[in-house]
PDB file of N, CA and C in Angstrom:
ATOM      1  N   MET A   1     109.972  85.955 105.031  1.00  0.00           N
ATOM      2  CA  MET A   1     109.890  87.460 105.166  1.00  0.00           C
ATOM      3  C   MET A   1     109.689  87.797 106.641  1.00  0.00           C
ATOM      4  N   GLU A   2     110.500  88.637 107.215  1.00  0.00           N
ATOM      5  CA  GLU A   2     110.588  88.828 108.612  1.00  0.00           C
ATOM      6  C   GLU A   2     110.171  90.310 108.844  1.00  0.00           C
ATOM      7  N   LEU A   3     109.458  90.724 109.839  1.00  0.00           N
ATOM      8  CA  LEU A   3     109.094  92.173 110.135  1.00  0.00           C
ATOM      9  C   LEU A   3     110.355  92.708 110.938  1.00  0.00           C
ATOM     10  N   LYS A   4     110.650  93.908 110.360  1.00  0.00           N
ATOM     11  CA  LYS A   4     111.914  94.684 110.991  1.00  0.00           C
ATOM     12  C   LYS A   4     111.399  95.616 112.207  1.00  0.00           C
ATOM     13  N   GLU A   5     112.439  96.071 112.856  1.00  0.00           N
ATOM     14  CA  GLU A   5     112.160  96.883 114.166  1.00  0.00           C
ATOM     15  C   GLU A   5     111.161  97.994 114.089  1.00  0.00           C
ATOM     16  N   PRO A   6     111.362  98.846 113.109  1.00  0.00           N
ATOM     17  CA  PRO A   6     110.319  99.935 113.021  1.00  0.00           C
ATOM     18  C   PRO A   6     109.059  99.578 112.908  1.00  0.00           C
ATOM     19  N   VAL A   7     108.669  98.548 112.130  1.00  0.00           N
ATOM     20  CA  VAL A   7     107.354  97.929 112.105  1.00  0.00           C
ATOM     21  C   VAL A   7     106.863  97.343 113.409  1.00  0.00           C
ATOM     22  N   LEU A   8     107.799  96.610 113.913  1.00  0.00           N
ATOM     23  CA  LEU A   8     107.264  95.919 115.164  1.00  0.00           C
ATOM     24  C   LEU A   8     107.238  97.072 116.319  1.00  0.00           C
ATOM     25  N   LYS A   9     107.774  98.253 116.249  1.00  0.00           N
ATOM     26  CA  LYS A   9     107.602  99.272 117.244  1.00  0.00           C
ATOM     27  C   LYS A   9     106.188  99.794 117.149  1.00  0.00           C
ATOM     28  N   VAL A  10     105.785  99.955 115.977  1.00  0.00           N
ATOM     29  CA  VAL A  10     104.304 100.509 115.829  1.00  0.00           C
ATOM     30  C   VAL A  10     103.419  99.373 116.287  1.00  0.00           C
ATOM     31  N   LEU A  11     103.577  98.085 116.007  1.00  0.00           N
ATOM     32  CA  LEU A  11     102.709  97.000 116.321  1.00  0.00           C
ATOM     33  C   LEU A  11     102.734  96.576 117.761  1.00  0.00           C
ATOM     34  N   ASN A  12     103.784  96.964 118.504  1.00  0.00           N
ATOM     35  CA  ASN A  12     103.968  96.681 120.050  1.00  0.00           C
ATOM     36  C   ASN A  12     103.051  97.696 120.860  1.00  0.00           C
ATOM     37  N   LYS A  13     102.355  98.669 120.331  1.00  0.00           N
ATOM     38  CA  LYS A  13     101.593  99.599 121.004  1.00  0.00           C
ATOM     39  C   LYS A  13     100.156  99.102 121.065  1.00  0.00           C
ATOM     40  N   VAL A  14      99.410  99.612 122.027  1.00  0.00           N
ATOM     41  CA  VAL A  14      98.091  99.130 122.228  1.00  0.00           C
ATOM     42  C   VAL A  14      97.124 100.147 121.654  1.00  0.00           C
ATOM     43  N   TYR A  15      96.169  99.767 120.819  1.00  0.00           N
ATOM     44  CA  TYR A  15      95.185 100.505 120.072  1.00  0.00           C
ATOM     45  C   TYR A  15      93.795 100.214 120.427  1.00  0.00           C
ATOM     46  N   GLU A  16      92.698 100.901 119.758  1.00  0.00           N
ATOM     47  CA  GLU A  16      91.504 100.688 120.209  1.00  0.00           C
ATOM     48  C   GLU A  16      91.006  99.184 119.993  1.00  0.00           C
ATOM     49  N   PRO A  17      90.312  98.569 121.025  1.00  0.00           N
ATOM     50  CA  PRO A  17      89.853  97.109 120.803  1.00  0.00           C
ATOM     51  C   PRO A  17      89.002  96.899 119.652  1.00  0.00           C
ATOM     52  N   ASP A  18      89.219  95.749 119.119  1.00  0.00           N
ATOM     53  CA  ASP A  18      88.291  95.158 117.965  1.00  0.00           C
ATOM     54  C   ASP A  18      88.091  96.219 116.815  1.00  0.00           C
ATOM     55  N   SER A  19      89.232  96.641 116.398  1.00  0.00           N
ATOM     56  CA  SER A  19      89.081  97.687 115.269  1.00  0.00           C
ATOM     57  C   SER A  19      90.083  97.446 114.104  1.00  0.00           C
ATOM     58  N   LEU A  20      89.892  98.277 113.141  1.00  0.00           N
ATOM     59  CA  LEU A  20      90.843  97.953 111.853  1.00  0.00           C
ATOM     60  C   LEU A  20      91.632  99.435 111.837  1.00  0.00           C
ATOM     61  N   ILE A  21      92.873  99.477 111.950  1.00  0.00           N
ATOM     62  CA  ILE A  21      93.670 100.729 111.836  1.00  0.00           C
ATOM     63  C   ILE A  21      94.311 100.751 110.631  1.00  0.00           C
ATOM     64  N   GLU A  22      94.309 101.849 109.866  1.00  0.00           N
ATOM     65  CA  GLU A  22      94.956 101.959 108.686  1.00  0.00           C
ATOM     66  C   GLU A  22      95.986 103.218 108.802  1.00  0.00           C
ATOM     67  N   LYS A  23      97.143 103.037 108.393  1.00  0.00           N
ATOM     68  CA  LYS A  23      97.942 104.297 108.363  1.00  0.00           C
ATOM     69  C   LYS A  23      99.172 104.036 107.367  1.00  0.00           C
ATOM     70  N   PRO A  24      99.713 105.254 106.801  1.00  0.00           N
ATOM     71  CA  PRO A  24     100.808 105.164 105.941  1.00  0.00           C
ATOM     72  C   PRO A  24     102.048 104.780 106.819  1.00  0.00           C
ATOM     73  N   PHE A  25     103.085 104.133 106.275  1.00  0.00           N
ATOM     74  CA  PHE A  25     104.293 103.860 107.032  1.00  0.00           C
ATOM     75  C   PHE A  25     105.331 103.871 105.915  1.00  0.00           C
ATOM     76  N   LYS A  26     106.095 104.910 106.133  1.00  0.00           N
ATOM     77  CA  LYS A  26     107.216 105.273 105.268  1.00  0.00           C
ATOM     78  C   LYS A  26     106.760 105.247 103.780  1.00  0.00           C
ATOM     79  N   ARG A  27     107.226 104.411 102.896  1.00  0.00           N
ATOM     80  CA  ARG A  27     106.808 104.407 101.535  1.00  0.00           C
ATOM     81  C   ARG A  27     105.726 103.257 101.317  1.00  0.00           C
ATOM     82  N   ILE A  28     105.315 102.750 102.385  1.00  0.00           N
ATOM     83  CA  ILE A  28     104.131 101.501 102.084  1.00  0.00           C
ATOM     84  C   ILE A  28     102.960 102.054 102.981  1.00  0.00           C
ATOM     85  N   TYR A  29     101.949 101.087 102.933  1.00  0.00           N
ATOM     86  CA  TYR A  29     100.829 101.272 103.605  1.00  0.00           C
ATOM     87  C   TYR A  29     100.611 100.135 104.519  1.00  0.00           C
ATOM     88  N   MET A  30     100.028 100.453 105.745  1.00  0.00           N
ATOM     89  CA  MET A  30      99.966  99.460 106.737  1.00  0.00           C
ATOM     90  C   MET A  30      98.361  99.519 107.261  1.00  0.00           C
ATOM     91  N   ALA A  31      97.850  98.338 107.346  1.00  0.00           N
ATOM     92  CA  ALA A  31      96.480  98.100 107.962  1.00  0.00           C
ATOM     93  C   ALA A  31      96.640  96.862 109.056  1.00  0.00           C
ATOM     94  N   PHE A  32      95.939  97.084 110.128  1.00  0.00           N
ATOM     95  CA  PHE A  32      95.967  95.920 111.033  1.00  0.00           C
ATOM     96  C   PHE A  32      94.745  95.832 111.868  1.00  0.00           C
ATOM     97  N   LYS A  33      94.406  94.633 112.145  1.00  0.00           N
ATOM     98  CA  LYS A  33      93.070  94.433 113.023  1.00  0.00           C
ATOM     99  C   LYS A  33      93.667  94.209 114.441  1.00  0.00           C
ATOM    100  N   THR A  34      92.690  94.631 115.406  1.00  0.00           N
ATOM    101  CA  THR A  34      93.251  94.405 116.765  1.00  0.00           C
ATOM    102  C   THR A  34      92.192  93.443 117.503  1.00  0.00           C
ATOM    103  N   ASP A  35      92.816  92.889 118.627  1.00  0.00           N
ATOM    104  CA  ASP A  35      91.873  91.905 119.319  1.00  0.00           C
ATOM    105  C   ASP A  35      91.043  92.773 120.438  1.00  0.00           C
ATOM    106  N   ALA A  36      90.316  92.011 121.330  1.00  0.00           N
ATOM    107  CA  ALA A  36      89.655  92.472 122.407  1.00  0.00           C
ATOM    108  C   ALA A  36      90.487  93.417 123.412  1.00  0.00           C
ATOM    109  N   MET A  37      91.689  93.231 123.365  1.00  0.00           N
ATOM    110  CA  MET A  37      92.672  93.837 124.266  1.00  0.00           C
ATOM    111  C   MET A  37      93.372  95.187 123.638  1.00  0.00           C
ATOM    112  N   GLY A  38      93.160  95.162 122.358  1.00  0.00           N
ATOM    113  CA  GLY A  38      93.726  96.323 121.590  1.00  0.00           C
ATOM    114  C   GLY A  38      95.034  96.037 121.044  1.00  0.00           C
ATOM    115  N   ARG A  39      95.430  94.858 121.048  1.00  0.00           N
ATOM    116  CA  ARG A  39      96.861  94.462 120.317  1.00  0.00           C
ATOM    117  C   ARG A  39      96.579  93.998 118.997  1.00  0.00           C
ATOM    118  N   PRO A  40      97.382  94.472 118.105  1.00  0.00           N
ATOM    119  CA  PRO A  40      97.391  94.205 116.605  1.00  0.00           C
ATOM    120  C   PRO A  40      97.548  92.569 116.545  1.00  0.00           C
ATOM    121  N   VAL A  41      96.802  91.893 115.761  1.00  0.00           N
ATOM    122  CA  VAL A  41      96.720  90.555 115.428  1.00  0.00           C
ATOM    123  C   VAL A  41      96.786  90.009 114.087  1.00  0.00           C
ATOM    124  N   LEU A  42      96.351  90.814 113.216  1.00  0.00           N
ATOM    125  CA  LEU A  42      96.373  90.598 111.555  1.00  0.00           C
ATOM    126  C   LEU A  42      96.978  91.858 110.893  1.00  0.00           C
ATOM    127  N   LEU A  43      98.001  91.748 110.216  1.00  0.00           N
ATOM    128  CA  LEU A  43      98.609  92.881 109.604  1.00  0.00           C
ATOM    129  C   LEU A  43      98.748  92.638 108.098  1.00  0.00           C
ATOM    130  N   PHE A  44      98.455  93.906 107.302  1.00  0.00           N
ATOM    131  CA  PHE A  44      98.630  93.840 105.881  1.00  0.00           C
ATOM    132  C   PHE A  44      99.585  94.911 105.513  1.00  0.00           C
ATOM    133  N   LEU A  45     100.702  94.743 104.863  1.00  0.00           N
ATOM    134  CA  LEU A  45     101.678  95.671 104.494  1.00  0.00           C
ATOM    135  C   LEU A  45     101.975  95.483 102.882  1.00  0.00           C
ATOM    136  N   GLY A  46     101.745  96.888 102.531  1.00  0.00           N
ATOM    137  CA  GLY A  46     102.071  96.944 101.062  1.00  0.00           C
ATOM    138  C   GLY A  46     101.607  98.232 100.303  1.00  0.00           C
ATOM    139  N   GLU A  47     101.068  98.150  99.211  1.00  0.00           N
ATOM    140  CA  GLU A  47     100.699  99.289  98.342  1.00  0.00           C
ATOM    141  C   GLU A  47      99.109  99.216  98.421  1.00  0.00           C
ATOM    142  N   ARG A  48      98.545 100.311  98.640  1.00  0.00           N
ATOM    143  CA  ARG A  48      97.059 100.446  98.472  1.00  0.00           C
ATOM    144  C   ARG A  48      96.601 100.748  97.104  1.00  0.00           C
ATOM    145  N   VAL A  49      95.656 100.005  96.641  1.00  0.00           N
ATOM    146  CA  VAL A  49      95.295  99.957  95.158  1.00  0.00           C
ATOM    147  C   VAL A  49      93.870 100.787  95.263  1.00  0.00           C
ATOM    148  N   ALA A  50      93.390 101.041  93.991  1.00  0.00           N
ATOM    149  CA  ALA A  50      92.273 102.037  93.850  1.00  0.00           C
ATOM    150  C   ALA A  50      91.063 101.389  94.536  1.00  0.00           C
ATOM    151  N   ASP A  51      90.710 100.214  94.853  1.00  0.00           N
ATOM    152  CA  ASP A  51      89.578  99.926  95.471  1.00  0.00           C
ATOM    153  C   ASP A  51      89.612  99.871  97.143  1.00  0.00           C
ATOM    154  N   GLY A  52      90.788 100.285  97.525  1.00  0.00           N
ATOM    155  CA  GLY A  52      91.011 100.550  98.900  1.00  0.00           C
ATOM    156  C   GLY A  52      91.617  99.164  99.584  1.00  0.00           C
ATOM    157  N   LYS A  53      91.684  98.081  98.855  1.00  0.00           N
ATOM    158  CA  LYS A  53      92.538  96.951  99.429  1.00  0.00           C
ATOM    159  C   LYS A  53      93.993  97.230  99.437  1.00  0.00           C
ATOM    160  N   ILE A  54      94.822  96.572 100.110  1.00  0.00           N
ATOM    161  CA  ILE A  54      96.289  96.535 100.277  1.00  0.00           C
ATOM    162  C   ILE A  54      96.750  95.329  99.535  1.00  0.00           C
ATOM    163  N   LYS A  55      97.693  95.760  98.497  1.00  0.00           N
ATOM    164  CA  LYS A  55      98.241  94.542  97.787  1.00  0.00           C
ATOM    165  C   LYS A  55      99.727  94.427  98.220  1.00  0.00           C
ATOM    166  N   GLY A  56     100.122  93.255  98.734  1.00  0.00           N
ATOM    167  CA  GLY A  56     101.466  93.271  99.457  1.00  0.00           C
ATOM    168  C   GLY A  56     101.574  91.972 100.295  1.00  0.00           C
ATOM    169  N   GLU A  57     101.721  91.973 101.438  1.00  0.00           N
ATOM    170  CA  GLU A  57     102.016  90.812 102.310  1.00  0.00           C
ATOM    171  C   GLU A  57     101.067  90.774 103.533  1.00  0.00           C
ATOM    172  N   ARG A  58     100.630  89.683 103.959  1.00  0.00           N
ATOM    173  CA  ARG A  58      99.839  89.401 105.066  1.00  0.00           C
ATOM    174  C   ARG A  58     100.819  88.795 106.354  1.00  0.00           C
ATOM    175  N   PHE A  59     100.309  89.143 107.553  1.00  0.00           N
ATOM    176  CA  PHE A  59     101.006  88.431 108.671  1.00  0.00           C
ATOM    177  C   PHE A  59      99.941  88.368 109.708  1.00  0.00           C
ATOM    178  N   THR A  60     100.153  87.216 110.661  1.00  0.00           N
ATOM    179  CA  THR A  60      99.186  86.901 111.828  1.00  0.00           C
ATOM    180  C   THR A  60     100.077  86.898 113.083  1.00  0.00           C
ATOM    181  N   ARG A  61      99.469  87.340 114.173  1.00  0.00           N
ATOM    182  CA  ARG A  61     100.367  87.366 115.307  1.00  0.00           C
ATOM    183  C   ARG A  61     100.005  86.020 116.307  1.00  0.00           C
ATOM    184  N   ARG A  62     100.807  85.518 116.777  1.00  0.00           N
ATOM    185  CA  ARG A  62     100.678  84.300 117.673  1.00  0.00           C
ATOM    186  C   ARG A  62     100.986  84.707 119.106  1.00  0.00           C
ATOM    187  N   LEU A  63     100.100  84.834 119.923  1.00  0.00           N
ATOM    188  CA  LEU A  63     100.227  85.114 121.375  1.00  0.00           C
ATOM    189  C   LEU A  63      99.927  84.063 122.148  1.00  0.00           C
ATOM    190  N   LYS A  64     100.763  83.514 123.198  1.00  0.00           N
ATOM    191  CA  LYS A  64     100.517  82.656 124.057  1.00  0.00           C
ATOM    192  C   LYS A  64     100.750  83.078 125.475  1.00  0.00           C
ATOM    193  N   MET A  65      99.781  82.951 126.232  1.00  0.00           N
ATOM    194  CA  MET A  65      99.679  83.486 127.588  1.00  0.00           C
ATOM    195  C   MET A  65      99.626  82.451 128.640  1.00  0.00           C
ATOM    196  N   ASP A  66      99.904  82.844 129.918  1.00  0.00           N
ATOM    197  CA  ASP A  66      99.781  81.903 130.926  1.00  0.00           C
ATOM    198  C   ASP A  66      98.495  82.109 131.465  1.00  0.00           C
ATOM    199  N   LYS A  67      98.127  81.210 132.591  1.00  0.00           N
ATOM    200  CA  LYS A  67      96.800  81.424 133.052  1.00  0.00           C
ATOM    201  C   LYS A  67      96.626  82.756 133.948  1.00  0.00           C
ATOM    202  N   ASP A  68      97.673  83.534 134.141  1.00  0.00           N
ATOM    203  CA  ASP A  68      97.734  84.749 134.796  1.00  0.00           C
ATOM    204  C   ASP A  68      97.329  86.084 133.801  1.00  0.00           C
ATOM    205  N   GLY A  69      97.570  85.648 132.555  1.00  0.00           N
ATOM    206  CA  GLY A  69      97.368  86.736 131.464  1.00  0.00           C
ATOM    207  C   GLY A  69      98.604  87.252 130.993  1.00  0.00           C
ATOM    208  N   LYS A  70      99.839  86.773 131.514  1.00  0.00           N
ATOM    209  CA  LYS A  70     101.049  87.333 131.257  1.00  0.00           C
ATOM    210  C   LYS A  70     101.481  86.560 129.755  1.00  0.00           C
ATOM    211  N   VAL A  71     102.101  87.460 128.881  1.00  0.00           N
ATOM    212  CA  VAL A  71     102.520  86.910 127.612  1.00  0.00           C
ATOM    213  C   VAL A  71     103.740  86.058 127.680  1.00  0.00           C
ATOM    214  N   ILE A  72     103.633  84.704 127.225  1.00  0.00           N
ATOM    215  CA  ILE A  72     104.892  83.975 127.174  1.00  0.00           C
ATOM    216  C   ILE A  72     105.533  83.867 125.795  1.00  0.00           C
ATOM    217  N   LYS A  73     104.730  83.941 124.728  1.00  0.00           N
ATOM    218  CA  LYS A  73     105.226  83.936 123.381  1.00  0.00           C
ATOM    219  C   LYS A  73     104.599  84.934 122.507  1.00  0.00           C
ATOM    220  N   ASP A  74     105.330  85.721 121.800  1.00  0.00           N
ATOM    221  CA  ASP A  74     104.688  86.707 120.826  1.00  0.00           C
ATOM    222  C   ASP A  74     105.498  86.504 119.817  1.00  0.00           C
ATOM    223  N   HIS A  75     104.809  86.242 118.708  1.00  0.00           N
ATOM    224  CA  HIS A  75     105.450  85.963 117.491  1.00  0.00           C
ATOM    225  C   HIS A  75     104.643  86.389 116.153  1.00  0.00           C
ATOM    226  N   TRP A  76     105.161  87.009 115.208  1.00  0.00           N
ATOM    227  CA  TRP A  76     104.527  87.388 113.909  1.00  0.00           C
ATOM    228  C   TRP A  76     104.858  86.321 112.799  1.00  0.00           C
ATOM    229  N   GLU A  77     103.889  85.845 112.197  1.00  0.00           N
ATOM    230  CA  GLU A  77     103.931  84.786 111.265  1.00  0.00           C
ATOM    231  C   GLU A  77     103.587  85.347 109.816  1.00  0.00           C
ATOM    232  N   HIS A  78     104.531  85.006 108.810  1.00  0.00           N
ATOM    233  CA  HIS A  78     104.284  85.501 107.499  1.00  0.00           C
ATOM    234  C   HIS A  78     103.334  84.528 106.836  1.00  0.00           C
ATOM    235  N   LYS A  79     102.089  85.013 106.236  1.00  0.00           N
ATOM    236  CA  LYS A  79     101.243  84.160 105.658  1.00  0.00           C
ATOM    237  C   LYS A  79     101.091  84.108 104.135  1.00  0.00           C
ATOM    238  N   GLY A  80     101.936  85.009 103.478  1.00  0.00           N
ATOM    239  CA  GLY A  80     101.809  85.061 102.070  1.00  0.00           C
ATOM    240  C   GLY A  80     101.357  86.384 101.461  1.00  0.00           C
ATOM    241  N   LYS A  81     101.038  86.509 100.232  1.00  0.00           N
ATOM    242  CA  LYS A  81     100.536  87.525  99.539  1.00  0.00           C
ATOM    243  C   LYS A  81      99.033  87.872 100.035  1.00  0.00           C
ATOM    244  N   ALA A  82      98.983  89.239 100.030  1.00  0.00           N
ATOM    245  CA  ALA A  82      97.652  89.660 100.196  1.00  0.00           C
ATOM    246  C   ALA A  82      97.248  90.542  99.063  1.00  0.00           C
ATOM    247  N   SER A  83      95.910  90.268  98.614  1.00  0.00           N
ATOM    248  CA  SER A  83      95.479  91.027  97.389  1.00  0.00           C
ATOM    249  C   SER A  83      94.028  91.745  97.603  1.00  0.00           C
TER     250      SER A  83
END
């Protein structure tokens, strides 16, 4: 499974550092954790169940930087089901 452009557009923004952001996205629910720089690095997409968890898919972000802090590689990896 690959992330589409509308989802990537939301994920390419910078948010509050070291936090969990939860928001509805079209007909699904999205929750992501950010790193110390405020970039999303862990993503849950799917349906929100009664206990507050998201049942759906889980993704992680791979960021490779050079020694100057410039992003060399930015890739979202599908990690499987989230429950």
